[in-house]
PDB file of N, CA and C in Angstrom:
ATOM      1  N   UNK A   1     -14.080  10.758 -19.330  1.00  0.00           N
ATOM      2  CA  UNK A   1     -12.612   9.538 -20.393  1.00  0.00           C
ATOM      3  C   UNK A   1     -12.967   8.459 -21.057  1.00  0.00           C
ATOM      4  N   UNK A   2     -12.532   8.202 -22.128  1.00  0.00           N
ATOM      5  CA  UNK A   2     -12.598   6.818 -22.129  1.00  0.00           C
ATOM      6  C   UNK A   2     -11.262   5.792 -22.496  1.00  0.00           C
ATOM      7  N   UNK A   3     -11.363   4.656 -22.466  1.00  0.00           N
ATOM      8  CA  UNK A   3     -10.358   3.879 -21.567  1.00  0.00           C
ATOM      9  C   UNK A   3      -9.584   4.416 -22.761  1.00  0.00           C
ATOM     10  N   UNK A   4      -9.544   4.240 -24.548  1.00  0.00           N
ATOM     11  CA  UNK A   4      -8.232   4.937 -25.561  1.00  0.00           C
ATOM     12  C   UNK A   4      -8.056   6.400 -24.403  1.00  0.00           C
ATOM     13  N   UNK A   5      -8.617   7.190 -24.278  1.00  0.00           N
ATOM     14  CA  UNK A   5      -7.770   8.390 -24.157  1.00  0.00           C
ATOM     15  C   UNK A   5      -7.077   7.531 -22.416  1.00  0.00           C
ATOM     16  N   UNK A   6      -7.734   7.458 -22.153  1.00  0.00           N
ATOM     17  CA  UNK A   6      -7.061   7.133 -20.995  1.00  0.00           C
ATOM     18  C   UNK A   6      -5.674   6.548 -20.534  1.00  0.00           C
ATOM     19  N   UNK A   7      -5.490   5.403 -21.716  1.00  0.00           N
ATOM     20  CA  UNK A   7      -4.525   4.508 -21.917  1.00  0.00           C
ATOM     21  C   UNK A   7      -3.515   5.554 -22.641  1.00  0.00           C
ATOM     22  N   UNK A   8      -3.389   5.839 -23.514  1.00  0.00           N
ATOM     23  CA  UNK A   8      -2.842   7.053 -23.879  1.00  0.00           C
ATOM     24  C   UNK A   8      -2.050   7.865 -23.261  1.00  0.00           C
ATOM     25  N   UNK A   9      -2.743   8.714 -22.093  1.00  0.00           N
ATOM     26  CA  UNK A   9      -2.137   9.988 -20.926  1.00  0.00           C
ATOM     27  C   UNK A   9      -1.579   8.788 -20.297  1.00  0.00           C
ATOM     28  N   UNK A  10      -2.016   7.365 -19.941  1.00  0.00           N
ATOM     29  CA  UNK A  10      -0.807   6.351 -19.283  1.00  0.00           C
ATOM     30  C   UNK A  10       0.388   6.555 -19.889  1.00  0.00           C
ATOM     31  N   UNK A  11       0.215   6.338 -20.750  1.00  0.00           N
ATOM     32  CA  UNK A  11       1.294   5.725 -22.312  1.00  0.00           C
ATOM     33  C   UNK A  11       1.808   7.412 -21.457  1.00  0.00           C
ATOM     34  N   UNK A  12       1.440   8.117 -21.781  1.00  0.00           N
ATOM     35  CA  UNK A  12       2.539   9.261 -21.688  1.00  0.00           C
ATOM     36  C   UNK A  12       3.043   9.598 -20.762  1.00  0.00           C
ATOM     37  N   UNK A  13       2.770   9.399 -19.369  1.00  0.00           N
ATOM     38  CA  UNK A  13       3.098   9.361 -18.705  1.00  0.00           C
ATOM     39  C   UNK A  13       4.244   8.102 -18.448  1.00  0.00           C
ATOM     40  N   UNK A  14       3.697   7.779 -18.211  1.00  0.00           N
ATOM     41  CA  UNK A  14       4.893   6.919 -18.029  1.00  0.00           C
ATOM     42  C   UNK A  14       5.903   6.823 -18.680  1.00  0.00           C
ATOM     43  N   UNK A  15       6.445   7.765 -19.669  1.00  0.00           N
ATOM     44  CA  UNK A  15       7.882   7.301 -20.746  1.00  0.00           C
ATOM     45  C   UNK A  15       7.646   8.853 -20.311  1.00  0.00           C
ATOM     46  N   UNK A  16       6.883   9.433 -20.063  1.00  0.00           N
ATOM     47  CA  UNK A  16       7.658  11.364 -20.155  1.00  0.00           C
ATOM     48  C   UNK A  16       8.825  11.013 -18.505  1.00  0.00           C
ATOM     49  N   UNK A  17       8.129  10.017 -17.447  1.00  0.00           N
ATOM     50  CA  UNK A  17       8.252  10.068 -15.834  1.00  0.00           C
ATOM     51  C   UNK A  17       9.763   8.735 -15.936  1.00  0.00           C
ATOM     52  N   UNK A  18       9.849   7.980 -17.172  1.00  0.00           N
ATOM     53  CA  UNK A  18      11.409   6.675 -17.318  1.00  0.00           C
ATOM     54  C   UNK A  18      11.582   8.498 -17.697  1.00  0.00           C
ATOM     55  N   UNK A  19      11.376   8.897 -18.903  1.00  0.00           N
ATOM     56  CA  UNK A  19      13.009   9.934 -19.431  1.00  0.00           C
ATOM     57  C   UNK A  19      13.689  10.345 -18.433  1.00  0.00           C
ATOM     58  N   UNK A  20      12.764  10.941 -17.587  1.00  0.00           N
ATOM     59  CA  UNK A  20      12.612  11.968 -15.808  1.00  0.00           C
ATOM     60  C   UNK A  20      13.888  11.181 -15.586  1.00  0.00           C
ATOM     61  N   UNK A  21      13.660  10.686 -14.812  1.00  0.00           N
ATOM     62  CA  UNK A  21      13.888   9.092 -14.053  1.00  0.00           C
ATOM     63  C   UNK A  21      15.253   8.554 -14.899  1.00  0.00           C
ATOM     64  N   UNK A  22      15.342   8.431 -16.179  1.00  0.00           N
ATOM     65  CA  UNK A  22      16.577   8.254 -16.490  1.00  0.00           C
ATOM     66  C   UNK A  22      17.805   9.096 -16.627  1.00  0.00           C
ATOM     67  N   UNK A  23      17.243  10.273 -16.791  1.00  0.00           N
ATOM     68  CA  UNK A  23      18.616  12.112 -16.702  1.00  0.00           C
ATOM     69  C   UNK A  23      18.679  11.958 -15.756  1.00  0.00           C
ATOM     70  N   UNK A  24      17.850  11.841 -14.181  1.00  0.00           N
ATOM     71  CA  UNK A  24      18.302  11.913 -13.154  1.00  0.00           C
ATOM     72  C   UNK A  24      19.053  11.413 -12.446  1.00  0.00           C
ATOM     73  N   UNK A  25      18.474   9.977 -12.607  1.00  0.00           N
ATOM     74  CA  UNK A  25      18.426   8.620 -11.920  1.00  0.00           C
ATOM     75  C   UNK A  25      20.282   7.358 -12.436  1.00  0.00           C
ATOM     76  N   UNK A  26      19.611   7.003 -12.743  1.00  0.00           N
ATOM     77  CA  UNK A  26      19.582   6.025 -13.468  1.00  0.00           C
ATOM     78  C   UNK A  26      19.028   5.833 -15.020  1.00  0.00           C
ATOM     79  N   UNK A  27      19.777   5.886 -16.234  1.00  0.00           N
ATOM     80  CA  UNK A  27      20.016   5.253 -17.604  1.00  0.00           C
ATOM     81  C   UNK A  27      19.219   4.169 -17.749  1.00  0.00           C
ATOM     82  N   UNK A  28      19.346   3.080 -16.785  1.00  0.00           N
ATOM     83  CA  UNK A  28      18.404   1.640 -16.670  1.00  0.00           C
ATOM     84  C   UNK A  28      16.819   2.140 -16.774  1.00  0.00           C
ATOM     85  N   UNK A  29      16.181   2.617 -16.263  1.00  0.00           N
ATOM     86  CA  UNK A  29      15.394   3.404 -16.459  1.00  0.00           C
ATOM     87  C   UNK A  29      14.403   3.417 -17.800  1.00  0.00           C
ATOM     88  N   UNK A  30      15.700   3.860 -18.985  1.00  0.00           N
ATOM     89  CA  UNK A  30      15.123   3.597 -20.403  1.00  0.00           C
ATOM     90  C   UNK A  30      14.636   2.240 -20.310  1.00  0.00           C
ATOM     91  N   UNK A  31      14.813   1.710 -19.834  1.00  0.00           N
ATOM     92  CA  UNK A  31      13.871  -0.023 -20.376  1.00  0.00           C
ATOM     93  C   UNK A  31      12.454  -0.086 -19.822  1.00  0.00           C
ATOM     94  N   UNK A  32      11.908   1.264 -19.259  1.00  0.00           N
ATOM     95  CA  UNK A  32      10.243   1.023 -18.871  1.00  0.00           C
ATOM     96  C   UNK A  32       9.617   2.289 -20.486  1.00  0.00           C
ATOM     97  N   UNK A  33      10.835   3.039 -20.947  1.00  0.00           N
ATOM     98  CA  UNK A  33       9.999   4.136 -22.058  1.00  0.00           C
ATOM     99  C   UNK A  33       9.892   2.656 -23.252  1.00  0.00           C
ATOM    100  N   UNK A  34      11.092   1.533 -23.177  1.00  0.00           N
ATOM    101  CA  UNK A  34      10.903   1.307 -24.361  1.00  0.00           C
ATOM    102  C   UNK A  34       9.934  -0.211 -23.807  1.00  0.00           C
ATOM    103  N   UNK A  35       9.464  -0.579 -22.782  1.00  0.00           N
ATOM    104  CA  UNK A  35       9.038  -1.986 -22.399  1.00  0.00           C
ATOM    105  C   UNK A  35       6.970  -1.622 -22.656  1.00  0.00           C
ATOM    106  N   UNK A  36       7.139   0.255 -22.398  1.00  0.00           N
ATOM    107  CA  UNK A  36       6.073   1.602 -22.881  1.00  0.00           C
ATOM    108  C   UNK A  36       5.445   1.161 -23.944  1.00  0.00           C
ATOM    109  N   UNK A  37       7.081   1.132 -24.954  1.00  0.00           N
ATOM    110  CA  UNK A  37       6.115   1.644 -26.157  1.00  0.00           C
ATOM    111  C   UNK A  37       6.712  -0.587 -27.433  1.00  0.00           C
ATOM    112  N   UNK A  38       6.670  -0.941 -26.425  1.00  0.00           N
ATOM    113  CA  UNK A  38       7.153  -2.198 -27.506  1.00  0.00           C
ATOM    114  C   UNK A  38       5.497  -2.407 -26.844  1.00  0.00           C
ATOM    115  N   UNK A  39       4.929  -2.704 -25.603  1.00  0.00           N
ATOM    116  CA  UNK A  39       3.616  -2.893 -25.214  1.00  0.00           C
ATOM    117  C   UNK A  39       2.799  -2.381 -26.166  1.00  0.00           C
ATOM    118  N   UNK A  40       2.157  -0.673 -25.765  1.00  0.00           N
ATOM    119  CA  UNK A  40       2.212  -0.275 -27.551  1.00  0.00           C
ATOM    120  C   UNK A  40       1.589  -0.547 -28.975  1.00  0.00           C
ATOM    121  N   UNK A  41       2.703  -1.079 -29.496  1.00  0.00           N
ATOM    122  CA  UNK A  41       2.857  -1.403 -30.848  1.00  0.00           C
ATOM    123  C   UNK A  41       2.277  -2.904 -30.496  1.00  0.00           C
ATOM    124  N   UNK A  42       3.094  -3.867 -29.693  1.00  0.00           N
ATOM    125  CA  UNK A  42       2.060  -4.967 -29.353  1.00  0.00           C
ATOM    126  C   UNK A  42       0.896  -5.032 -29.754  1.00  0.00           C
ATOM    127  N   UNK A  43      -0.058  -3.751 -28.907  1.00  0.00           N
ATOM    128  CA  UNK A  43      -1.506  -3.626 -28.734  1.00  0.00           C
ATOM    129  C   UNK A  43      -2.052  -3.325 -30.472  1.00  0.00           C
ATOM    130  N   UNK A  44      -1.305  -2.424 -30.884  1.00  0.00           N
ATOM    131  CA  UNK A  44      -1.685  -2.159 -32.111  1.00  0.00           C
ATOM    132  C   UNK A  44      -2.180  -3.612 -32.933  1.00  0.00           C
ATOM    133  N   UNK A  45      -1.557  -4.500 -32.433  1.00  0.00           N
ATOM    134  CA  UNK A  45      -2.198  -5.658 -33.411  1.00  0.00           C
ATOM    135  C   UNK A  45      -2.537  -6.562 -32.629  1.00  0.00           C
ATOM    136  N   UNK A  46      -2.382  -6.945 -31.648  1.00  0.00           N
ATOM    137  CA  UNK A  46      -3.435  -7.524 -30.607  1.00  0.00           C
ATOM    138  C   UNK A  46      -4.832  -6.988 -30.464  1.00  0.00           C
ATOM    139  N   UNK A  47      -5.444  -5.752 -30.492  1.00  0.00           N
ATOM    140  CA  UNK A  47      -5.629  -4.624 -29.533  1.00  0.00           C
ATOM    141  C   UNK A  47      -6.091  -5.386 -28.622  1.00  0.00           C
ATOM    142  N   UNK A  48      -5.599  -5.801 -27.849  1.00  0.00           N
ATOM    143  CA  UNK A  48      -4.797  -5.825 -26.667  1.00  0.00           C
ATOM    144  C   UNK A  48      -4.317  -5.256 -25.640  1.00  0.00           C
ATOM    145  N   UNK A  49      -4.394  -4.113 -24.823  1.00  0.00           N
ATOM    146  CA  UNK A  49      -3.312  -3.913 -22.949  1.00  0.00           C
ATOM    147  C   UNK A  49      -3.498  -4.331 -22.338  1.00  0.00           C
ATOM    148  N   UNK A  50      -2.842  -4.899 -21.313  1.00  0.00           N
ATOM    149  CA  UNK A  50      -3.281  -4.660 -19.582  1.00  0.00           C
ATOM    150  C   UNK A  50      -4.178  -3.992 -19.107  1.00  0.00           C
ATOM    151  N   UNK A  51      -3.307  -2.604 -19.396  1.00  0.00           N
ATOM    152  CA  UNK A  51      -3.659  -1.228 -19.094  1.00  0.00           C
ATOM    153  C   UNK A  51      -4.895  -1.196 -19.461  1.00  0.00           C
ATOM    154  N   UNK A  52      -5.808  -1.320 -20.348  1.00  0.00           N
ATOM    155  CA  UNK A  52      -7.296  -1.472 -20.883  1.00  0.00           C
ATOM    156  C   UNK A  52      -7.700  -2.181 -19.870  1.00  0.00           C
ATOM    157  N   UNK A  53      -7.789  -3.299 -19.423  1.00  0.00           N
ATOM    158  CA  UNK A  53      -8.435  -4.148 -17.898  1.00  0.00           C
ATOM    159  C   UNK A  53      -8.426  -3.338 -16.963  1.00  0.00           C
ATOM    160  N   UNK A  54      -7.500  -2.484 -16.900  1.00  0.00           N
ATOM    161  CA  UNK A  54      -7.239  -1.818 -15.405  1.00  0.00           C
ATOM    162  C   UNK A  54      -8.568  -0.241 -15.459  1.00  0.00           C
ATOM    163  N   UNK A  55      -8.012   0.208 -16.777  1.00  0.00           N
ATOM    164  CA  UNK A  55      -8.804   1.257 -17.259  1.00  0.00           C
ATOM    165  C   UNK A  55     -10.632   0.628 -16.755  1.00  0.00           C
ATOM    166  N   UNK A  56     -10.607   0.386 -17.931  1.00  0.00           N
ATOM    167  CA  UNK A  56     -11.935  -0.450 -18.012  1.00  0.00           C
ATOM    168  C   UNK A  56     -13.028  -0.827 -16.054  1.00  0.00           C
ATOM    169  N   UNK A  57     -11.893  -1.670 -16.022  1.00  0.00           N
ATOM    170  CA  UNK A  57     -12.329  -1.849 -13.756  1.00  0.00           C
ATOM    171  C   UNK A  57     -12.500  -1.023 -13.285  1.00  0.00           C
ATOM    172  N   UNK A  58     -12.078   0.481 -13.726  1.00  0.00           N
ATOM    173  CA  UNK A  58     -11.730   1.744 -12.794  1.00  0.00           C
ATOM    174  C   UNK A  58     -13.399   2.125 -13.612  1.00  0.00           C
ATOM    175  N   UNK A  59     -13.855   1.967 -14.330  1.00  0.00           N
ATOM    176  CA  UNK A  59     -15.455   2.401 -15.014  1.00  0.00           C
ATOM    177  C   UNK A  59     -15.340   2.943 -16.266  1.00  0.00           C
ATOM    178  N   UNK A  60     -13.927   3.532 -16.501  1.00  0.00           N
ATOM    179  CA  UNK A  60     -14.012   4.075 -17.895  1.00  0.00           C
ATOM    180  C   UNK A  60     -14.625   3.258 -19.255  1.00  0.00           C
ATOM    181  N   UNK A  61     -15.426   3.772 -20.001  1.00  0.00           N
ATOM    182  CA  UNK A  61     -16.128   3.111 -21.215  1.00  0.00           C
ATOM    183  C   UNK A  61     -15.452   2.605 -22.867  1.00  0.00           C
ATOM    184  N   UNK A  62     -15.910   2.530 -23.311  1.00  0.00           N
ATOM    185  CA  UNK A  62     -14.829   2.555 -25.358  1.00  0.00           C
ATOM    186  C   UNK A  62     -15.363   2.802 -25.210  1.00  0.00           C
ATOM    187  N   UNK A  63     -14.889   4.065 -26.101  1.00  0.00           N
ATOM    188  CA  UNK A  63     -15.327   5.137 -27.112  1.00  0.00           C
ATOM    189  C   UNK A  63     -16.452   5.168 -28.289  1.00  0.00           C
ATOM    190  N   UNK A  64     -16.159   3.564 -28.867  1.00  0.00           N
ATOM    191  CA  UNK A  64     -17.655   3.097 -29.342  1.00  0.00           C
ATOM    192  C   UNK A  64     -18.832   2.238 -28.908  1.00  0.00           C
ATOM    193  N   UNK A  65     -18.413   2.525 -27.261  1.00  0.00           N
ATOM    194  CA  UNK A  65     -19.808   1.860 -26.090  1.00  0.00           C
ATOM    195  C   UNK A  65     -19.440   0.290 -26.845  1.00  0.00           C
ATOM    196  N   UNK A  66     -18.001  -0.328 -27.137  1.00  0.00           N
ATOM    197  CA  UNK A  66     -18.143  -1.629 -27.611  1.00  0.00           C
ATOM    198  C   UNK A  66     -17.194  -2.172 -27.279  1.00  0.00           C
ATOM    199  N   UNK A  67     -16.739  -2.997 -26.275  1.00  0.00           N
ATOM    200  CA  UNK A  67     -15.717  -3.757 -25.175  1.00  0.00           C
ATOM    201  C   UNK A  67     -15.015  -4.549 -26.491  1.00  0.00           C
ATOM    202  N   UNK A  68     -13.380  -4.667 -26.666  1.00  0.00           N
ATOM    203  CA  UNK A  68     -12.177  -5.073 -26.825  1.00  0.00           C
ATOM    204  C   UNK A  68     -12.261  -6.834 -26.843  1.00  0.00           C
ATOM    205  N   UNK A  69     -13.875  -7.850 -26.137  1.00  0.00           N
ATOM    206  CA  UNK A  69     -13.995  -8.830 -25.985  1.00  0.00           C
ATOM    207  C   UNK A  69     -15.014  -9.193 -26.596  1.00  0.00           C
ATOM    208  N   UNK A  70     -15.720  -8.870 -26.926  1.00  0.00           N
ATOM    209  CA  UNK A  70     -17.094  -8.965 -27.772  1.00  0.00           C
ATOM    210  C   UNK A  70     -16.610  -9.314 -29.454  1.00  0.00           C
ATOM    211  N   UNK A  71     -17.028 -10.716 -30.104  1.00  0.00           N
ATOM    212  CA  UNK A  71     -16.504 -10.500 -31.439  1.00  0.00           C
ATOM    213  C   UNK A  71     -17.051  -9.399 -32.344  1.00  0.00           C
TER     214      UNK A  71
END
């Protein structure tokens, strides 16, 4: 699995989990959905996401083989 696929999977799990929690527990869990969406939007412009650093630390490789930290 690559960092990019791991990030998509993590975002999907967070969004589905927060939607379920909003339905069964409290509507305030929708704030987590909004946070995940805003983080994805921000990372599309900056190419930086904290979750990507965590996934790389776990040993996942970039799809292109290059790191975002290299120019």
